[in-house]
Amino acid sequence: MPPIHNGSALGDWGTHDPTMLKTQDGQYVHYRTNYNVAASISNDRQTFHNNGSAFPGGIPWARNWTYQTPDAIWAPDVHYHNGKYYMYYSAWKGETIAAIGLAISESGRPGEWVDQGMVFNSLNTTFNAIDPDLLIDTDGRWYLVFGSYLSGIYQYEMDPNTGFVKEGSTPVHLAHRGDDKDDAIEGSGMFKKGKIVSFHCKQESFPRSYS
């Protein structure tokens, strides 16, 4: 495995499945996979200090969907929209026993999130409901990309008014490894610049590579 380089980050910089937001008073909160979504905070995006977790009391409904420990919440994804912060997160127990949830916050700070519950799960499907990543399009439409291994990466159109799956939306299959590499595809996301939408994902078995 190649050596790990942390660039110029200092302090509590260790991370897995990171996402970061800027609060309204100018601080930066870095959330990541860990128990109840671990959090670090920084004033300059360089030196980070441990700041507990997004959900210090846990997420009760998710405890039946997690692996090994009841508070192992994975892959948060945070966005700011219309004066509120939205966090999608995931819980995984094995195979397709997985679910994606949603929390909303006025401040974006650890301990100040209100959980909205399960958005959807992947029971009786061929995909994994983990690794969510939201794209808010310039026309106001929301799309949530998700998936890991198995049959690959999918997308739902979401309802911007609720943050949940839009009524009538069905999962769109975006990508699949389709070779002999353990179906290794995950960590997907989409970005839009101008009229161009860029899709990215990781294609390698963890922990051999995670770049």
C-alpha atoms as a PDB file:
ATOM      1  CA  MET A   1       0.000   0.000   0.000  1.00  0.00           C
ATOM      2  CA  PRO A   2       1.441   3.443  -0.889  1.00  0.00           C
ATOM      3  CA  PRO A   3       2.464   5.797   1.917  1.00  0.00           C
ATOM      4  CA  ILE A   4      -0.161   8.191   3.231  1.00  0.00           C
ATOM      5  CA  HIS A   5       0.480  11.902   2.708  1.00  0.00           C
ATOM      6  CA  ASN A   6      -1.637  14.406   4.577  1.00  0.00           C
ATOM      7  CA  GLY A   7      -0.504  17.489   2.673  1.00  0.00           C
ATOM      8  CA  SER A   8      -0.628  20.518   4.938  1.00  0.00           C
ATOM      9  CA  ALA A   9      -3.418  19.309   7.242  1.00  0.00           C
ATOM     10  CA  LEU A  10      -2.612  19.354  10.950  1.00  0.00           C
ATOM     11  CA  GLY A  11      -4.248  18.037  14.096  1.00  0.00           C
ATOM     12  CA  ASP A  12      -7.237  15.710  13.832  1.00  0.00           C
ATOM     13  CA  TRP A  13      -7.023  15.213  10.064  1.00  0.00           C
ATOM     14  CA  GLY A  14      -7.454  11.415   9.753  1.00  0.00           C
ATOM     15  CA  THR A  15     -10.451  10.641   7.575  1.00  0.00           C
ATOM     16  CA  HIS A  16     -12.490   8.120   5.630  1.00  0.00           C
ATOM     17  CA  ASP A  17     -15.393   9.111   3.347  1.00  0.00           C
ATOM     18  CA  PRO A  18     -14.991  12.840   4.149  1.00  0.00           C
ATOM     19  CA  THR A  19     -17.322  15.751   3.594  1.00  0.00           C
ATOM     20  CA  MET A  20     -16.874  19.347   4.739  1.00  0.00           C
ATOM     21  CA  LEU A  21     -19.068  22.394   5.217  1.00  0.00           C
ATOM     22  CA  LYS A  22     -18.553  26.038   6.067  1.00  0.00           C
ATOM     23  CA  THR A  23     -20.684  27.415   8.889  1.00  0.00           C
ATOM     24  CA  GLN A  24     -22.356  30.792   8.657  1.00  0.00           C
ATOM     25  CA  ASP A  25     -19.760  32.258  11.054  1.00  0.00           C
ATOM     26  CA  GLY A  26     -16.845  31.078   8.924  1.00  0.00           C
ATOM     27  CA  GLN A  27     -15.644  27.865  10.580  1.00  0.00           C
ATOM     28  CA  TYR A  28     -15.154  24.592   8.742  1.00  0.00           C
ATOM     29  CA  VAL A  29     -16.665  21.326   9.959  1.00  0.00           C
ATOM     30  CA  HIS A  30     -15.241  18.100   8.571  1.00  0.00           C
ATOM     31  CA  TYR A  31     -17.478  15.025   8.921  1.00  0.00           C
ATOM     32  CA  ARG A  32     -16.447  11.452   8.161  1.00  0.00           C
ATOM     33  CA  THR A  33     -17.238   7.775   8.553  1.00  0.00           C
ATOM     34  CA  ASN A  34     -17.001   6.783  12.197  1.00  0.00           C
ATOM     35  CA  TYR A  35     -19.268   6.216  15.159  1.00  0.00           C
ATOM     36  CA  ASN A  36     -22.266   8.570  14.841  1.00  0.00           C
ATOM     37  CA  VAL A  37     -20.401  10.522  12.107  1.00  0.00           C
ATOM     38  CA  ALA A  38     -17.178  11.846  13.626  1.00  0.00           C
ATOM     39  CA  ALA A  39     -16.491  15.580  13.383  1.00  0.00           C
ATOM     40  CA  SER A  40     -13.479  17.895  13.393  1.00  0.00           C
ATOM     41  CA  ILE A  41     -13.548  21.673  13.262  1.00  0.00           C
ATOM     42  CA  SER A  42     -11.123  24.250  11.835  1.00  0.00           C
ATOM     43  CA  ASN A  43     -10.825  28.012  11.505  1.00  0.00           C
ATOM     44  CA  ASP A  44      -8.455  27.891   8.527  1.00  0.00           C
ATOM     45  CA  ARG A  45      -9.024  24.526   6.742  1.00  0.00           C
ATOM     46  CA  GLN A  46      -5.518  23.517   7.822  1.00  0.00           C
ATOM     47  CA  THR A  47      -5.534  22.708  11.534  1.00  0.00           C
ATOM     48  CA  PHE A  48      -8.441  20.544  12.667  1.00  0.00           C
ATOM     49  CA  HIS A  49      -9.575  19.731  16.193  1.00  0.00           C
ATOM     50  CA  ASN A  50     -11.764  16.820  17.255  1.00  0.00           C
ATOM     51  CA  ASN A  51     -15.286  18.031  17.907  1.00  0.00           C
ATOM     52  CA  GLY A  52     -17.254  14.928  18.816  1.00  0.00           C
ATOM     53  CA  SER A  53     -19.851  13.687  16.355  1.00  0.00           C
ATOM     54  CA  ALA A  54     -22.850  14.828  14.378  1.00  0.00           C
ATOM     55  CA  PHE A  55     -25.155  12.579  16.403  1.00  0.00           C
ATOM     56  CA  PRO A  56     -23.820  12.228  19.967  1.00  0.00           C
ATOM     57  CA  GLY A  57     -26.959  10.349  21.008  1.00  0.00           C
ATOM     58  CA  GLY A  58     -26.809   8.009  18.042  1.00  0.00           C
ATOM     59  CA  ILE A  59     -29.420   7.293  15.371  1.00  0.00           C
ATOM     60  CA  PRO A  60     -31.815   4.741  16.912  1.00  0.00           C
ATOM     61  CA  TRP A  61     -33.432   3.481  13.713  1.00  0.00           C
ATOM     62  CA  ALA A  62     -30.038   2.862  12.065  1.00  0.00           C
ATOM     63  CA  ARG A  63     -28.804   0.506  14.782  1.00  0.00           C
ATOM     64  CA  ASN A  64     -30.590  -2.417  13.145  1.00  0.00           C
ATOM     65  CA  TRP A  65     -28.773  -1.696   9.887  1.00  0.00           C
ATOM     66  CA  THR A  66     -25.163  -1.392  11.032  1.00  0.00           C
ATOM     67  CA  TYR A  67     -22.213  -3.766  10.983  1.00  0.00           C
ATOM     68  CA  GLN A  68     -20.328  -4.868  14.130  1.00  0.00           C
ATOM     69  CA  THR A  69     -21.252  -1.820  16.214  1.00  0.00           C
ATOM     70  CA  PRO A  70     -24.690  -0.155  16.451  1.00  0.00           C
ATOM     71  CA  ASP A  71     -23.359   3.358  15.860  1.00  0.00           C
ATOM     72  CA  ALA A  72     -21.172   2.783  12.795  1.00  0.00           C
ATOM     73  CA  ILE A  73     -22.589   5.404  10.415  1.00  0.00           C
ATOM     74  CA  TRP A  74     -20.843   5.694   7.062  1.00  0.00           C
ATOM     75  CA  ALA A  75     -20.107   8.129   4.264  1.00  0.00           C
ATOM     76  CA  PRO A  76     -21.836  11.407   5.183  1.00  0.00           C
ATOM     77  CA  ASP A  77     -22.525  13.907   2.410  1.00  0.00           C
ATOM     78  CA  VAL A  78     -23.406  17.503   3.365  1.00  0.00           C
ATOM     79  CA  HIS A  79     -24.950  20.339   1.324  1.00  0.00           C
ATOM     80  CA  TYR A  80     -26.222  23.824   2.141  1.00  0.00           C
ATOM     81  CA  HIS A  81     -29.515  24.798   0.523  1.00  0.00           C
ATOM     82  CA  ASN A  82     -32.073  27.509   1.271  1.00  0.00           C
ATOM     83  CA  GLY A  83     -30.660  28.310   4.696  1.00  0.00           C
ATOM     84  CA  LYS A  84     -30.313  24.717   5.916  1.00  0.00           C
ATOM     85  CA  TYR A  85     -27.667  22.011   5.899  1.00  0.00           C
ATOM     86  CA  TYR A  86     -28.656  18.580   4.609  1.00  0.00           C
ATOM     87  CA  MET A  87     -26.684  15.458   5.519  1.00  0.00           C
ATOM     88  CA  TYR A  88     -27.233  12.150   3.779  1.00  0.00           C
ATOM     89  CA  TYR A  89     -25.549   9.194   5.508  1.00  0.00           C
ATOM     90  CA  SER A  90     -25.586   5.413   5.282  1.00  0.00           C
ATOM     91  CA  ALA A  91     -25.712   2.300   7.417  1.00  0.00           C
ATOM     92  CA  TRP A  92     -24.615  -1.148   6.221  1.00  0.00           C
ATOM     93  CA  LYS A  93     -24.957  -4.585   7.787  1.00  0.00           C
ATOM     94  CA  GLY A  94     -23.928  -6.835   4.911  1.00  0.00           C
ATOM     95  CA  GLU A  95     -24.797  -7.606   1.295  1.00  0.00           C
ATOM     96  CA  THR A  96     -27.918  -5.555   0.488  1.00  0.00           C
ATOM     97  CA  ILE A  97     -28.886  -4.929   4.127  1.00  0.00           C
ATOM     98  CA  ALA A  98     -28.180  -1.223   3.836  1.00  0.00           C
ATOM     99  CA  ALA A  99     -30.008   2.066   4.151  1.00  0.00           C
ATOM    100  CA  ILE A 100     -29.543   5.777   3.536  1.00  0.00           C
ATOM    101  CA  GLY A 101     -30.846   8.360   5.990  1.00  0.00           C
ATOM    102  CA  LEU A 102     -31.195  12.134   6.100  1.00  0.00           C
ATOM    103  CA  ALA A 103     -30.606  14.761   8.775  1.00  0.00           C
ATOM    104  CA  ILE A 104     -31.128  18.532   8.643  1.00  0.00           C
ATOM    105  CA  SER A 105     -29.446  21.301  10.631  1.00  0.00           C
ATOM    106  CA  GLU A 106     -29.771  25.073  10.882  1.00  0.00           C
ATOM    107  CA  SER A 107     -26.106  25.447  11.924  1.00  0.00           C
ATOM    108  CA  GLY A 108     -24.307  22.419  10.477  1.00  0.00           C
ATOM    109  CA  ARG A 109     -22.496  21.912  13.771  1.00  0.00           C
ATOM    110  CA  PRO A 110     -21.940  18.610  15.615  1.00  0.00           C
ATOM    111  CA  GLY A 111     -24.811  17.721  17.919  1.00  0.00           C
ATOM    112  CA  GLU A 112     -27.211  20.116  16.185  1.00  0.00           C
ATOM    113  CA  TRP A 113     -28.640  17.784  13.539  1.00  0.00           C
ATOM    114  CA  VAL A 114     -32.274  16.646  13.481  1.00  0.00           C
ATOM    115  CA  ASP A 115     -32.587  13.188  11.996  1.00  0.00           C
ATOM    116  CA  GLN A 116     -35.355  12.759   9.428  1.00  0.00           C
ATOM    117  CA  GLY A 117     -35.154   8.970   9.356  1.00  0.00           C
ATOM    118  CA  MET A 118     -34.593   6.441   6.610  1.00  0.00           C
ATOM    119  CA  VAL A 119     -34.822   7.719   3.050  1.00  0.00           C
ATOM    120  CA  PHE A 120     -34.667   4.289   1.394  1.00  0.00           C
ATOM    121  CA  ASN A 121     -33.013   0.890   1.762  1.00  0.00           C
ATOM    122  CA  SER A 122     -31.716  -1.821  -0.563  1.00  0.00           C
ATOM    123  CA  LEU A 123     -33.427  -4.923   0.786  1.00  0.00           C
ATOM    124  CA  ASN A 124     -34.524  -7.266  -2.023  1.00  0.00           C
ATOM    125  CA  THR A 125     -32.483  -5.388  -4.634  1.00  0.00           C
ATOM    126  CA  THR A 126     -29.155  -6.004  -6.365  1.00  0.00           C
ATOM    127  CA  PHE A 127     -27.502  -2.779  -5.120  1.00  0.00           C
ATOM    128  CA  ASN A 128     -26.136  -1.326  -1.873  1.00  0.00           C
ATOM    129  CA  ALA A 129     -27.834   1.745  -0.407  1.00  0.00           C
ATOM    130  CA  ILE A 130     -24.593   3.345   0.818  1.00  0.00           C
ATOM    131  CA  ASP A 131     -22.153   6.114  -0.204  1.00  0.00           C
ATOM    132  CA  PRO A 132     -24.764   8.805  -0.980  1.00  0.00           C
ATOM    133  CA  ASP A 133     -23.760  11.908  -2.928  1.00  0.00           C
ATOM    134  CA  LEU A 134     -26.206  14.686  -3.809  1.00  0.00           C
ATOM    135  CA  LEU A 135     -26.191  16.866  -6.927  1.00  0.00           C
ATOM    136  CA  ILE A 136     -28.404  19.956  -6.826  1.00  0.00           C
ATOM    137  CA  ASP A 137     -28.820  20.916 -10.459  1.00  0.00           C
ATOM    138  CA  THR A 138     -29.019  24.477 -11.737  1.00  0.00           C
ATOM    139  CA  ASP A 139     -32.682  23.906 -12.630  1.00  0.00           C
ATOM    140  CA  GLY A 140     -33.459  23.085  -8.998  1.00  0.00           C
ATOM    141  CA  ARG A 141     -33.761  19.322  -9.404  1.00  0.00           C
ATOM    142  CA  TRP A 142     -32.018  17.014  -6.929  1.00  0.00           C
ATOM    143  CA  TYR A 143     -30.263  13.746  -7.791  1.00  0.00           C
ATOM    144  CA  LEU A 144     -28.778  11.315  -5.281  1.00  0.00           C
ATOM    145  CA  VAL A 145     -26.021   8.995  -6.530  1.00  0.00           C
ATOM    146  CA  PHE A 146     -25.242   5.923  -4.416  1.00  0.00           C
ATOM    147  CA  GLY A 147     -24.014   2.332  -4.490  1.00  0.00           C
ATOM    148  CA  SER A 148     -21.073   0.091  -3.712  1.00  0.00           C
ATOM    149  CA  TYR A 149     -19.958  -3.185  -5.271  1.00  0.00           C
ATOM    150  CA  LEU A 150     -22.686  -5.700  -6.282  1.00  0.00           C
ATOM    151  CA  SER A 151     -24.502  -4.309  -9.345  1.00  0.00           C
ATOM    152  CA  GLY A 152     -22.829  -0.909  -9.134  1.00  0.00           C
ATOM    153  CA  ILE A 153     -23.828   2.747  -8.960  1.00  0.00           C
ATOM    154  CA  TYR A 154     -27.378   4.078  -9.142  1.00  0.00           C
ATOM    155  CA  GLN A 155     -29.233   7.372  -8.995  1.00  0.00           C
ATOM    156  CA  TYR A 156     -32.593   8.506  -7.648  1.00  0.00           C
ATOM    157  CA  GLU A 157     -34.245  11.821  -8.358  1.00  0.00           C
ATOM    158  CA  MET A 158     -35.101  13.417  -5.029  1.00  0.00           C
ATOM    159  CA  ASP A 159     -37.862  15.766  -3.900  1.00  0.00           C
ATOM    160  CA  PRO A 160     -36.247  19.124  -2.982  1.00  0.00           C
ATOM    161  CA  ASN A 161     -39.132  19.897  -0.632  1.00  0.00           C
ATOM    162  CA  THR A 162     -38.578  16.832   1.551  1.00  0.00           C
ATOM    163  CA  GLY A 163     -35.116  15.495   0.720  1.00  0.00           C
ATOM    164  CA  PHE A 164     -36.702  12.084   0.144  1.00  0.00           C
ATOM    165  CA  VAL A 165     -37.110  10.115  -3.088  1.00  0.00           C
ATOM    166  CA  LYS A 166     -39.360  11.942  -5.537  1.00  0.00           C
ATOM    167  CA  GLU A 167     -42.716  10.254  -6.028  1.00  0.00           C
ATOM    168  CA  GLY A 168     -42.556   7.987  -9.061  1.00  0.00           C
ATOM    169  CA  SER A 169     -38.754   8.018  -9.257  1.00  0.00           C
ATOM    170  CA  THR A 170     -37.069   4.683  -9.953  1.00  0.00           C
ATOM    171  CA  PRO A 171     -33.359   3.883  -9.560  1.00  0.00           C
ATOM    172  CA  VAL A 172     -31.315   4.639 -12.685  1.00  0.00           C
ATOM    173  CA  HIS A 173     -28.290   2.381 -13.224  1.00  0.00           C
ATOM    174  CA  LEU A 174     -25.244   4.568 -13.932  1.00  0.00           C
ATOM    175  CA  ALA A 175     -22.188   2.310 -13.755  1.00  0.00           C
ATOM    176  CA  HIS A 176     -21.005  -1.260 -13.104  1.00  0.00           C
ATOM    177  CA  ARG A 177     -17.502  -2.717 -12.938  1.00  0.00           C
ATOM    178  CA  GLY A 178     -18.481  -5.808 -14.903  1.00  0.00           C
ATOM    179  CA  ASP A 179     -15.112  -7.585 -14.834  1.00  0.00           C
ATOM    180  CA  ASP A 180     -13.129  -9.882 -12.542  1.00  0.00           C
ATOM    181  CA  LYS A 181     -12.139  -7.215  -9.979  1.00  0.00           C
ATOM    182  CA  ASP A 182     -14.599  -8.238  -7.242  1.00  0.00           C
ATOM    183  CA  ASP A 183     -17.228  -5.861  -8.684  1.00  0.00           C
ATOM    184  CA  ALA A 184     -15.191  -3.118  -6.997  1.00  0.00           C
ATOM    185  CA  ILE A 185     -16.895   0.188  -7.697  1.00  0.00           C
ATOM    186  CA  GLU A 186     -17.995   2.733  -5.088  1.00  0.00           C
ATOM    187  CA  GLY A 187     -17.465   6.247  -3.736  1.00  0.00           C
ATOM    188  CA  SER A 188     -19.346   7.866  -6.609  1.00  0.00           C
ATOM    189  CA  GLY A 189     -20.399  11.467  -7.073  1.00  0.00           C
ATOM    190  CA  MET A 190     -21.432  14.059  -9.636  1.00  0.00           C
ATOM    191  CA  PHE A 191     -20.446  17.686 -10.223  1.00  0.00           C
ATOM    192  CA  LYS A 192     -21.810  20.204 -12.694  1.00  0.00           C
ATOM    193  CA  LYS A 193     -19.946  23.120 -14.272  1.00  0.00           C
ATOM    194  CA  GLY A 194     -21.792  25.028 -16.935  1.00  0.00           C
ATOM    195  CA  LYS A 195     -23.641  22.453 -19.000  1.00  0.00           C
ATOM    196  CA  ILE A 196     -21.199  19.645 -18.243  1.00  0.00           C
ATOM    197  CA  VAL A 197     -22.000  17.032 -15.576  1.00  0.00           C
ATOM    198  CA  SER A 198     -18.965  15.054 -14.406  1.00  0.00           C
ATOM    199  CA  PHE A 199     -19.365  11.612 -12.829  1.00  0.00           C
ATOM    200  CA  HIS A 200     -16.609  10.024 -10.744  1.00  0.00           C
ATOM    201  CA  CYS A 201     -16.179   6.795  -8.789  1.00  0.00           C
ATOM    202  CA  LYS A 202     -13.542   4.503  -7.331  1.00  0.00           C
ATOM    203  CA  GLN A 203     -12.762   1.237  -9.120  1.00  0.00           C
ATOM    204  CA  GLU A 204     -10.571  -0.887  -6.896  1.00  0.00           C
ATOM    205  CA  SER A 205     -10.998  -3.230  -3.942  1.00  0.00           C
ATOM    206  CA  PHE A 206     -10.605  -1.601  -0.535  1.00  0.00           C
ATOM    207  CA  PRO A 207      -8.064  -1.557   1.084  1.00  0.00           C
ATOM    208  CA  ARG A 208      -5.733  -2.226  -1.877  1.00  0.00           C
ATOM    209  CA  SER A 209      -6.382   1.255  -3.185  1.00  0.00           C
ATOM    210  CA  TYR A 210      -8.617   4.119  -2.235  1.00  0.00           C
ATOM    211  CA  SER A 211      -7.838   6.932  -4.615  1.00  0.00           C
END
